[in-house]
């Protein structure tokens, strides 16, 4: 199981990379994703993911 810190490190690395290439999460549908805390889901949405 991935810890919250590990998942946030991954998201932050992806965010740094996206500044060069556009958001890697932009438009990614996270509806129905399981195992995420509210903070993790909010972070994904802030980075461009959507929940439809």
PDB file of N, CA and C in Angstrom:
ATOM      1  N   UNK A   1       0.845  -1.180   0.000  1.00  0.00           N
ATOM      2  CA  UNK A   1       0.000   0.000   0.000  1.00  0.00           C
ATOM      3  C   UNK A   1       0.887   1.238   0.000  1.00  0.00           C
ATOM      4  N   UNK A   2       0.542   2.186  -0.826  1.00  0.00           N
ATOM      5  CA  UNK A   2       1.307   3.426  -0.919  1.00  0.00           C
ATOM      6  C   UNK A   2       0.856   4.365   0.187  1.00  0.00           C
ATOM      7  N   UNK A   3       1.820   4.958   0.862  1.00  0.00           N
ATOM      8  CA  UNK A   3       1.474   5.901   1.925  1.00  0.00           C
ATOM      9  C   UNK A   3       1.067   7.241   1.323  1.00  0.00           C
ATOM     10  N   UNK A   4       0.417   8.038   2.126  1.00  0.00           N
ATOM     11  CA  UNK A   4       0.011   9.374   1.692  1.00  0.00           C
ATOM     12  C   UNK A   4       1.228  10.182   1.257  1.00  0.00           C
ATOM     13  N   UNK A   5       2.303  10.121   2.010  1.00  0.00           N
ATOM     14  CA  UNK A   5       3.503  10.892   1.677  1.00  0.00           C
ATOM     15  C   UNK A   5       4.059  10.449   0.327  1.00  0.00           C
ATOM     16  N   UNK A   6       4.118   9.141   0.092  1.00  0.00           N
ATOM     17  CA  UNK A   6       4.614   8.640  -1.190  1.00  0.00           C
ATOM     18  C   UNK A   6       3.730   9.095  -2.347  1.00  0.00           C
ATOM     19  N   UNK A   7       2.422   9.056  -2.141  1.00  0.00           N
ATOM     20  CA  UNK A   7       1.523   9.473  -3.216  1.00  0.00           C
ATOM     21  C   UNK A   7       1.643  10.967  -3.475  1.00  0.00           C
ATOM     22  N   UNK A   8       1.804  11.767  -2.428  1.00  0.00           N
ATOM     23  CA  UNK A   8       1.963  13.208  -2.617  1.00  0.00           C
ATOM     24  C   UNK A   8       3.308  13.515  -3.284  1.00  0.00           C
ATOM     25  N   UNK A   9       4.349  12.778  -2.970  1.00  0.00           N
ATOM     26  CA  UNK A   9       5.640  12.975  -3.637  1.00  0.00           C
ATOM     27  C   UNK A   9       5.491  12.692  -5.130  1.00  0.00           C
ATOM     28  N   UNK A  10       4.768  11.648  -5.455  1.00  0.00           N
ATOM     29  CA  UNK A  10       4.544  11.322  -6.863  1.00  0.00           C
ATOM     30  C   UNK A  10       3.766  12.426  -7.552  1.00  0.00           C
ATOM     31  N   UNK A  11       2.712  12.909  -6.905  1.00  0.00           N
ATOM     32  CA  UNK A  11       1.910  13.984  -7.488  1.00  0.00           C
ATOM     33  C   UNK A  11       2.761  15.237  -7.676  1.00  0.00           C
ATOM     34  N   UNK A  12       3.597  15.546  -6.699  1.00  0.00           N
ATOM     35  CA  UNK A  12       4.438  16.736  -6.811  1.00  0.00           C
ATOM     36  C   UNK A  12       5.460  16.580  -7.933  1.00  0.00           C
ATOM     37  N   UNK A  13       6.013  15.388  -8.111  1.00  0.00           N
ATOM     38  CA  UNK A  13       6.938  15.146  -9.220  1.00  0.00           C
ATOM     39  C   UNK A  13       6.211  15.310 -10.546  1.00  0.00           C
ATOM     40  N   UNK A  14       5.005  14.795 -10.623  1.00  0.00           N
ATOM     41  CA  UNK A  14       4.216  14.937 -11.842  1.00  0.00           C
ATOM     42  C   UNK A  14       3.895  16.395 -12.100  1.00  0.00           C
ATOM     43  N   UNK A  15       3.613  17.154 -11.041  1.00  0.00           N
ATOM     44  CA  UNK A  15       3.308  18.570 -11.188  1.00  0.00           C
ATOM     45  C   UNK A  15       4.525  19.324 -11.715  1.00  0.00           C
ATOM     46  N   UNK A  16       5.706  19.014 -11.187  1.00  0.00           N
ATOM     47  CA  UNK A  16       6.919  19.669 -11.685  1.00  0.00           C
ATOM     48  C   UNK A  16       7.133  19.351 -13.157  1.00  0.00           C
ATOM     49  N   UNK A  17       6.923  18.109 -13.538  1.00  0.00           N
ATOM     50  CA  UNK A  17       7.079  17.713 -14.936  1.00  0.00           C
ATOM     51  C   UNK A  17       6.036  18.387 -15.817  1.00  0.00           C
ATOM     52  N   UNK A  18       4.826  18.548 -15.301  1.00  0.00           N
ATOM     53  CA  UNK A  18       3.750  19.130 -16.095  1.00  0.00           C
ATOM     54  C   UNK A  18       3.991  20.599 -16.384  1.00  0.00           C
ATOM     55  N   UNK A  19       4.756  21.273 -15.544  1.00  0.00           N
ATOM     56  CA  UNK A  19       5.062  22.679 -15.796  1.00  0.00           C
ATOM     57  C   UNK A  19       5.858  22.819 -17.097  1.00  0.00           C
ATOM     58  N   UNK A  20       6.556  21.763 -17.468  1.00  0.00           N
ATOM     59  CA  UNK A  20       7.307  21.767 -18.718  1.00  0.00           C
ATOM     60  C   UNK A  20       6.461  21.296 -19.894  1.00  0.00           C
ATOM     61  N   UNK A  21       5.511  20.405 -19.654  1.00  0.00           N
ATOM     62  CA  UNK A  21       4.792  19.739 -20.737  1.00  0.00           C
ATOM     63  C   UNK A  21       3.273  19.891 -20.652  1.00  0.00           C
ATOM     64  N   UNK A  22       2.756  20.770 -19.828  1.00  0.00           N
ATOM     65  CA  UNK A  22       1.321  20.853 -19.614  1.00  0.00           C
ATOM     66  C   UNK A  22       0.907  19.855 -18.546  1.00  0.00           C
ATOM     67  N   UNK A  23      -0.266  20.018 -18.008  1.00  0.00           N
ATOM     68  CA  UNK A  23      -0.702  19.176 -16.899  1.00  0.00           C
ATOM     69  C   UNK A  23      -0.935  17.736 -17.338  1.00  0.00           C
ATOM     70  N   UNK A  24      -0.220  16.826 -16.692  1.00  0.00           N
ATOM     71  CA  UNK A  24      -0.393  15.405 -16.989  1.00  0.00           C
ATOM     72  C   UNK A  24      -1.729  14.895 -16.461  1.00  0.00           C
ATOM     73  N   UNK A  25      -2.304  15.607 -15.518  1.00  0.00           N
ATOM     74  CA  UNK A  25      -3.565  15.169 -14.925  1.00  0.00           C
ATOM     75  C   UNK A  25      -4.767  15.899 -15.513  1.00  0.00           C
ATOM     76  N   UNK A  26      -4.523  16.881 -16.356  1.00  0.00           N
ATOM     77  CA  UNK A  26      -5.615  17.681 -16.889  1.00  0.00           C
ATOM     78  C   UNK A  26      -6.606  16.799 -17.633  1.00  0.00           C
ATOM     79  N   UNK A  27      -7.844  16.833 -17.166  1.00  0.00           N
ATOM     80  CA  UNK A  27      -8.901  16.060 -17.787  1.00  0.00           C
ATOM     81  C   UNK A  27      -8.999  14.609 -17.332  1.00  0.00           C
ATOM     82  N   UNK A  28      -8.059  14.142 -16.492  1.00  0.00           N
ATOM     83  CA  UNK A  28      -8.130  12.758 -16.019  1.00  0.00           C
ATOM     84  C   UNK A  28      -9.360  12.609 -15.127  1.00  0.00           C
ATOM     85  N   UNK A  29     -10.186  11.630 -15.425  1.00  0.00           N
ATOM     86  CA  UNK A  29     -11.407  11.413 -14.655  1.00  0.00           C
ATOM     87  C   UNK A  29     -11.087  10.554 -13.429  1.00  0.00           C
ATOM     88  N   UNK A  30     -11.277  11.116 -12.238  1.00  0.00           N
ATOM     89  CA  UNK A  30     -11.008  10.389 -10.998  1.00  0.00           C
ATOM     90  C   UNK A  30     -12.295   9.958 -10.291  1.00  0.00           C
ATOM     91  N   UNK A  31     -13.424  10.106 -10.987  1.00  0.00           N
ATOM     92  CA  UNK A  31     -14.698   9.654 -10.427  1.00  0.00           C
ATOM     93  C   UNK A  31     -14.614   8.166 -10.134  1.00  0.00           C
ATOM     94  N   UNK A  32     -14.984   7.766  -8.966  1.00  0.00           N
ATOM     95  CA  UNK A  32     -14.989   6.357  -8.600  1.00  0.00           C
ATOM     96  C   UNK A  32     -13.650   5.834  -8.108  1.00  0.00           C
ATOM     97  N   UNK A  33     -12.631   6.704  -8.075  1.00  0.00           N
ATOM     98  CA  UNK A  33     -11.336   6.271  -7.537  1.00  0.00           C
ATOM     99  C   UNK A  33     -11.517   5.903  -6.070  1.00  0.00           C
ATOM    100  N   UNK A  34     -10.901   4.822  -5.640  1.00  0.00           N
ATOM    101  CA  UNK A  34     -11.056   4.384  -4.262  1.00  0.00           C
ATOM    102  C   UNK A  34      -9.740   4.521  -3.515  1.00  0.00           C
ATOM    103  N   UNK A  35      -9.842   4.629  -2.208  1.00  0.00           N
ATOM    104  CA  UNK A  35      -8.659   4.685  -1.362  1.00  0.00           C
ATOM    105  C   UNK A  35      -8.039   6.064  -1.236  1.00  0.00           C
ATOM    106  N   UNK A  36      -8.661   7.083  -1.827  1.00  0.00           N
ATOM    107  CA  UNK A  36      -8.136   8.445  -1.724  1.00  0.00           C
ATOM    108  C   UNK A  36      -8.793   9.170  -0.553  1.00  0.00           C
ATOM    109  N   UNK A  37      -7.995   9.942   0.153  1.00  0.00           N
ATOM    110  CA  UNK A  37      -8.576  10.809   1.177  1.00  0.00           C
ATOM    111  C   UNK A  37      -9.169  12.025   0.472  1.00  0.00           C
ATOM    112  N   UNK A  38      -9.934  12.820   1.220  1.00  0.00           N
ATOM    113  CA  UNK A  38     -10.483  14.049   0.641  1.00  0.00           C
ATOM    114  C   UNK A  38      -9.357  14.968   0.193  1.00  0.00           C
ATOM    115  N   UNK A  39      -8.275  15.029   0.967  1.00  0.00           N
ATOM    116  CA  UNK A  39      -7.141  15.892   0.628  1.00  0.00           C
ATOM    117  C   UNK A  39      -6.462  15.417  -0.660  1.00  0.00           C
ATOM    118  N   UNK A  40      -6.314  14.120  -0.820  1.00  0.00           N
ATOM    119  CA  UNK A  40      -5.692  13.591  -2.033  1.00  0.00           C
ATOM    120  C   UNK A  40      -6.555  13.877  -3.252  1.00  0.00           C
ATOM    121  N   UNK A  41      -7.860  13.667  -3.125  1.00  0.00           N
ATOM    122  CA  UNK A  41      -8.770  13.944  -4.236  1.00  0.00           C
ATOM    123  C   UNK A  41      -8.742  15.430  -4.588  1.00  0.00           C
ATOM    124  N   UNK A  42      -8.719  16.285  -3.568  1.00  0.00           N
ATOM    125  CA  UNK A  42      -8.667  17.728  -3.809  1.00  0.00           C
ATOM    126  C   UNK A  42      -7.369  18.124  -4.504  1.00  0.00           C
ATOM    127  N   UNK A  43      -6.279  17.486  -4.127  1.00  0.00           N
ATOM    128  CA  UNK A  43      -4.993  17.770  -4.766  1.00  0.00           C
ATOM    129  C   UNK A  43      -5.025  17.364  -6.228  1.00  0.00           C
ATOM    130  N   UNK A  44      -5.557  16.190  -6.518  1.00  0.00           N
ATOM    131  CA  UNK A  44      -5.660  15.740  -7.903  1.00  0.00           C
ATOM    132  C   UNK A  44      -6.505  16.712  -8.728  1.00  0.00           C
ATOM    133  N   UNK A  45      -7.611  17.159  -8.141  1.00  0.00           N
ATOM    134  CA  UNK A  45      -8.473  18.117  -8.852  1.00  0.00           C
ATOM    135  C   UNK A  45      -7.756  19.440  -9.058  1.00  0.00           C
ATOM    136  N   UNK A  46      -6.995  19.896  -8.069  1.00  0.00           N
ATOM    137  CA  UNK A  46      -6.253  21.142  -8.193  1.00  0.00           C
ATOM    138  C   UNK A  46      -5.198  21.048  -9.302  1.00  0.00           C
ATOM    139  N   UNK A  47      -4.730  19.834  -9.560  1.00  0.00           N
ATOM    140  CA  UNK A  47      -3.731  19.619 -10.605  1.00  0.00           C
ATOM    141  C   UNK A  47      -4.358  19.346 -11.960  1.00  0.00           C
ATOM    142  N   UNK A  48      -5.685  19.430 -12.036  1.00  0.00           N
ATOM    143  CA  UNK A  48      -6.354  19.327 -13.329  1.00  0.00           C
ATOM    144  C   UNK A  48      -7.236  18.123 -13.531  1.00  0.00           C
ATOM    145  N   UNK A  49      -7.286  17.203 -12.592  1.00  0.00           N
ATOM    146  CA  UNK A  49      -8.161  16.042 -12.722  1.00  0.00           C
ATOM    147  C   UNK A  49      -9.615  16.483 -12.547  1.00  0.00           C
ATOM    148  N   UNK A  50     -10.521  15.700 -13.071  1.00  0.00           N
ATOM    149  CA  UNK A  50     -11.944  16.014 -12.957  1.00  0.00           C
ATOM    150  C   UNK A  50     -12.679  14.836 -12.328  1.00  0.00           C
ATOM    151  N   UNK A  51     -13.855  15.103 -11.793  1.00  0.00           N
ATOM    152  CA  UNK A  51     -14.697  14.040 -11.237  1.00  0.00           C
ATOM    153  C   UNK A  51     -16.083  14.196 -11.853  1.00  0.00           C
ATOM    154  N   UNK A  52     -16.333  13.428 -12.895  1.00  0.00           N
ATOM    155  CA  UNK A  52     -17.630  13.516 -13.596  1.00  0.00           C
ATOM    156  C   UNK A  52     -18.355  12.213 -13.508  1.00  0.00           C
TER     157      UNK A  52
END
